[in-house]
Each structure stands twice: as structure tokens, then as C-alpha cells.
Protein backbone atom coordinates (compact mmCIF):
# COMPACT_ATOMS: atom_id res chain seq x y z
CA UNK A 1 0.00 0.00 0.00
CA UNK A 2 1.40 3.39 -0.92
CA UNK A 3 0.83 6.88 0.46
CA UNK A 4 -1.82 7.76 -2.15
CA UNK A 5 -3.83 4.66 -1.25
CA UNK A 6 -3.60 5.48 2.47
CA UNK A 7 -4.65 9.08 1.82
CA UNK A 8 -7.60 7.88 -0.25
CA UNK A 9 -8.69 5.45 2.47
CA UNK A 10 -8.73 8.35 4.95
CA UNK A 11 -10.65 10.53 2.52
CA UNK A 12 -13.18 7.76 1.87
CA UNK A 13 -13.66 7.32 5.62
CA UNK A 14 -14.46 11.05 5.83
CA UNK A 15 -16.81 10.92 2.83
CA UNK A 16 -14.47 12.96 0.61
CA UNK A 17 -13.50 12.46 -3.03
CA UNK A 18 -10.28 10.48 -3.63
CA UNK A 19 -7.08 11.99 -4.99
CA UNK A 20 -5.87 10.84 -8.40
CA UNK A 21 -2.24 11.72 -7.72
CA UNK A 22 -0.01 13.34 -5.12
CA UNK A 23 1.55 16.67 -5.99
CA UNK A 24 5.26 16.79 -5.19
CA UNK A 25 5.62 20.58 -5.21
CA UNK A 26 4.29 22.36 -2.12
CA UNK A 27 2.85 25.17 -4.23
CA UNK A 28 0.74 22.66 -6.20
CA UNK A 29 -0.75 20.88 -3.18
CA UNK A 30 -4.40 21.31 -2.34
CA UNK A 31 -5.49 22.17 1.21
CA UNK A 32 -6.61 18.55 1.56
CA UNK A 33 -3.14 17.26 0.60
CA UNK A 34 -1.46 19.64 3.03
CA UNK A 35 -3.72 18.41 5.84
CA UNK A 36 -3.05 14.77 4.98
CA UNK A 37 0.70 15.47 4.86
CA UNK A 38 0.51 17.10 8.29
CA UNK A 39 -1.04 14.04 9.94
CA UNK A 40 0.60 11.24 7.94
CA UNK A 41 3.76 10.94 10.05
CA UNK A 42 1.88 10.98 13.36
CA UNK A 43 -0.60 8.38 12.15
CA UNK A 44 2.19 6.15 10.87
CA UNK A 45 4.05 6.33 14.19
CA UNK A 46 0.88 5.63 16.17
CA UNK A 47 -0.08 2.63 14.03
CA UNK A 48 3.44 1.19 14.16
CA UNK A 49 3.51 1.39 17.96
CA UNK A 50 0.07 -0.15 18.52
CA UNK A 51 0.85 -3.45 16.82
CA UNK A 52 3.94 -5.47 16.02
CA UNK A 53 3.90 -5.19 12.23
CA UNK A 54 6.34 -7.82 10.87
CA UNK A 55 6.93 -5.87 7.65
CA UNK A 56 8.19 -2.88 9.67
CA UNK A 57 10.88 -4.90 11.41
CA UNK A 58 14.04 -6.01 9.66
CA UNK A 59 17.17 -7.44 11.24
CA UNK A 60 20.44 -6.60 9.55
CA UNK A 61 24.06 -7.17 10.37
CA UNK A 62 25.56 -3.71 10.62
CA UNK A 63 28.45 -2.72 8.42
CA UNK A 64 31.75 -1.68 9.91
CA UNK A 65 31.89 0.64 12.91
CA UNK A 66 32.43 4.25 11.84
CA UNK A 67 34.02 5.09 15.17
CA UNK A 68 32.98 7.56 17.79
CA UNK A 69 30.55 10.24 16.85
CA UNK A 70 27.68 12.25 18.29
CA UNK A 71 28.81 11.43 21.82
CA UNK A 72 28.72 7.65 21.39
CA UNK A 73 31.58 5.14 21.49
CA UNK A 74 30.42 3.46 18.25
CA UNK A 75 28.40 4.66 15.29
CA UNK A 76 26.94 3.06 12.17
CA UNK A 77 25.21 4.29 9.03
CA UNK A 78 21.48 3.68 8.91
CA UNK A 79 20.45 1.18 6.23
CA UNK A 80 18.79 2.58 3.10
CA UNK A 81 15.05 2.98 3.60
CA UNK A 82 15.19 2.89 7.41
CA UNK A 83 12.14 4.47 8.99
CA UNK A 84 12.96 6.76 11.89
CA UNK A 85 10.11 7.01 14.38
């Protein structure tokens, strides 16, 4: 499921017309899109905390230690596509 599908589910729940596409430029976004963008991150975090979603959890062996940084003894690069909550 992608962001457009999630937005359209929310709009359907509220009795609103679905979006046909998401505008990437802020100036082109409708008020509805701006509102959905505002709440998307919060809703995603809330849903991910309320249930153990297997597709959100991935175990990886970390690459080499990058050394001390940001006040920690060890540091590593985040894997591509990591979701920060």
C-alpha cells in the first residue's frame, strides 16, 4: 500500500473524493493534501507502535563501525530505507 492509497482510504472514511495523484511541489498541493501530509507521520508512528507489524521490522548485520561520533563510542550508518520514528 502506498501513500496515495492510504490518503484515499482516509478521505473515503471522511466521505471525501479520492485523490488521483499526489503533488510533489508544495505550491501545487491542495489544502486537503497539506492536511493529509501534516497528519501522515503521526498516524504512521501511532499505528506502528500499537501493533507489532512484521513488515516494519528487519534485522540486519551492521556494516563496519564508523568510530565515535555524536557522543557515542560506536556509530553506524542507517540502512537505506530505514524508517525513523
